């Protein structure tokens, strides 16, 4: 069955999706930058503690 026939589900998705996108970390520049910074620091620490 095609998703195009599931009108109620598609309508619900259309209503909820903008809020989900706004709540995503990628839509919050400060939270995204902090998460990226933490990830880079963790990678650097792993690299420094390895035999590389």
N, C-alpha and C. Protein backbone atom coordinates (compact mmCIF):
# COMPACT_ATOMS: atom_id res chain seq x y z
N UNK A 1 0.85 -1.18 0.00
CA UNK A 1 0.00 0.00 0.00
C UNK A 1 0.89 1.24 0.00
N UNK A 2 0.49 2.26 -0.68
CA UNK A 2 1.25 3.49 -0.80
C UNK A 2 1.00 4.40 0.41
N UNK A 3 2.05 5.12 0.84
CA UNK A 3 1.89 6.08 1.94
C UNK A 3 0.91 7.19 1.57
N UNK A 4 0.76 7.44 0.28
CA UNK A 4 -0.13 8.51 -0.17
C UNK A 4 -1.58 8.23 0.22
N UNK A 5 -1.91 7.00 0.49
CA UNK A 5 -3.28 6.67 0.88
C UNK A 5 -3.50 6.81 2.38
N UNK A 6 -2.45 7.03 3.14
CA UNK A 6 -2.55 7.16 4.60
C UNK A 6 -2.65 8.65 4.96
N UNK A 7 -3.73 9.26 4.56
CA UNK A 7 -3.93 10.70 4.69
C UNK A 7 -3.81 11.17 6.14
N UNK A 8 -4.41 10.44 7.07
CA UNK A 8 -4.37 10.86 8.48
C UNK A 8 -2.94 10.86 9.02
N UNK A 9 -2.17 9.83 8.69
CA UNK A 9 -0.78 9.76 9.15
C UNK A 9 0.05 10.88 8.53
N UNK A 10 -0.16 11.14 7.26
CA UNK A 10 0.57 12.20 6.58
C UNK A 10 0.20 13.58 7.14
N UNK A 11 -1.07 13.77 7.45
CA UNK A 11 -1.50 15.04 8.03
C UNK A 11 -0.88 15.26 9.40
N UNK A 12 -0.83 14.20 10.21
CA UNK A 12 -0.20 14.29 11.53
C UNK A 12 1.28 14.60 11.39
N UNK A 13 1.96 13.95 10.47
CA UNK A 13 3.37 14.21 10.23
C UNK A 13 3.60 15.65 9.78
N UNK A 14 2.75 16.15 8.93
CA UNK A 14 2.85 17.52 8.44
C UNK A 14 2.70 18.53 9.59
N UNK A 15 1.85 18.23 10.56
CA UNK A 15 1.67 19.12 11.70
C UNK A 15 2.83 19.04 12.69
N UNK A 16 3.35 17.83 12.92
CA UNK A 16 4.36 17.62 13.95
C UNK A 16 5.79 17.87 13.49
N UNK A 17 6.07 17.72 12.22
CA UNK A 17 7.44 17.79 11.72
C UNK A 17 8.13 19.13 11.96
N UNK A 18 7.47 20.26 11.73
CA UNK A 18 8.17 21.53 11.98
C UNK A 18 8.66 21.67 13.43
N UNK A 19 7.87 21.25 14.38
CA UNK A 19 8.28 21.31 15.78
C UNK A 19 9.44 20.38 16.07
N UNK A 20 9.44 19.22 15.46
CA UNK A 20 10.54 18.27 15.65
C UNK A 20 11.83 18.82 15.05
N UNK A 21 11.72 19.48 13.91
CA UNK A 21 12.90 20.08 13.28
C UNK A 21 13.43 21.21 14.15
N UNK A 22 12.54 22.08 14.65
CA UNK A 22 12.97 23.18 15.51
C UNK A 22 13.64 22.68 16.79
N UNK A 23 13.19 21.53 17.30
CA UNK A 23 13.74 20.99 18.54
C UNK A 23 15.06 20.24 18.32
N UNK A 24 15.40 19.96 17.08
CA UNK A 24 16.63 19.22 16.78
C UNK A 24 17.86 20.06 17.11
N UNK A 25 18.92 19.43 17.59
CA UNK A 25 20.13 20.16 17.92
C UNK A 25 20.70 20.97 16.75
N UNK A 26 20.54 20.50 15.55
CA UNK A 26 21.08 21.21 14.38
C UNK A 26 20.39 22.56 14.18
N UNK A 27 19.22 22.75 14.75
CA UNK A 27 18.50 24.02 14.62
C UNK A 27 18.81 24.97 15.78
N UNK A 28 19.65 24.55 16.68
CA UNK A 28 20.06 25.39 17.80
C UNK A 28 21.58 25.58 17.68
N UNK A 29 22.02 26.70 17.11
CA UNK A 29 23.45 26.88 16.85
C UNK A 29 24.33 26.74 18.09
N UNK A 30 23.88 27.23 19.22
CA UNK A 30 24.69 27.15 20.43
C UNK A 30 24.84 25.69 20.88
N UNK A 31 23.73 24.97 20.94
CA UNK A 31 23.78 23.57 21.35
C UNK A 31 24.59 22.74 20.36
N UNK A 32 24.45 23.04 19.07
CA UNK A 32 25.20 22.31 18.05
C UNK A 32 26.70 22.57 18.20
N UNK A 33 27.08 23.83 18.40
CA UNK A 33 28.50 24.17 18.56
C UNK A 33 29.08 23.51 19.82
N UNK A 34 28.32 23.50 20.90
CA UNK A 34 28.80 22.87 22.13
C UNK A 34 28.97 21.36 21.93
N UNK A 35 28.02 20.73 21.26
CA UNK A 35 28.12 19.29 21.01
C UNK A 35 29.30 18.98 20.10
N UNK A 36 29.51 19.79 19.07
CA UNK A 36 30.63 19.58 18.17
C UNK A 36 31.95 19.77 18.92
N UNK A 37 32.03 20.80 19.76
CA UNK A 37 33.23 21.05 20.55
C UNK A 37 33.53 19.86 21.46
N UNK A 38 32.52 19.35 22.13
CA UNK A 38 32.72 18.21 23.02
C UNK A 38 33.18 16.98 22.24
N UNK A 39 32.61 16.79 21.06
CA UNK A 39 33.01 15.64 20.24
C UNK A 39 34.46 15.77 19.79
N UNK A 40 34.86 16.95 19.32
CA UNK A 40 36.25 17.16 18.90
C UNK A 40 37.22 16.98 20.06
N UNK A 41 36.85 17.48 21.23
CA UNK A 41 37.72 17.33 22.39
C UNK A 41 37.88 15.86 22.77
N UNK A 42 36.78 15.11 22.72
CA UNK A 42 36.84 13.68 23.05
C UNK A 42 37.71 12.94 22.03
N UNK A 43 37.57 13.28 20.75
CA UNK A 43 38.41 12.63 19.72
C UNK A 43 39.88 12.97 19.94
N UNK A 44 40.18 14.22 20.26
CA UNK A 44 41.56 14.65 20.48
C UNK A 44 42.16 13.93 21.69
N UNK A 45 41.38 13.81 22.76
CA UNK A 45 41.87 13.12 23.95
C UNK A 45 42.15 11.65 23.65
N UNK A 46 41.26 11.00 22.88
CA UNK A 46 41.49 9.61 22.50
C UNK A 46 42.76 9.49 21.65
N UNK A 47 42.92 10.42 20.74
CA UNK A 47 44.10 10.40 19.87
C UNK A 47 45.37 10.58 20.70
N UNK A 48 45.35 11.54 21.63
CA UNK A 48 46.53 11.82 22.45
C UNK A 48 46.88 10.66 23.37
N UNK A 49 45.90 9.91 23.80
CA UNK A 49 46.16 8.79 24.72
C UNK A 49 46.47 7.49 23.99
N UNK A 50 46.39 7.51 22.66
CA UNK A 50 46.70 6.31 21.88
C UNK A 50 48.17 6.30 21.50
N UNK A 51 48.61 5.24 20.87
CA UNK A 51 50.01 5.11 20.44
C UNK A 51 50.24 5.74 19.06
N UNK A 52 49.31 6.51 18.57
CA UNK A 52 49.42 7.08 17.22
C UNK A 52 50.51 8.12 17.12
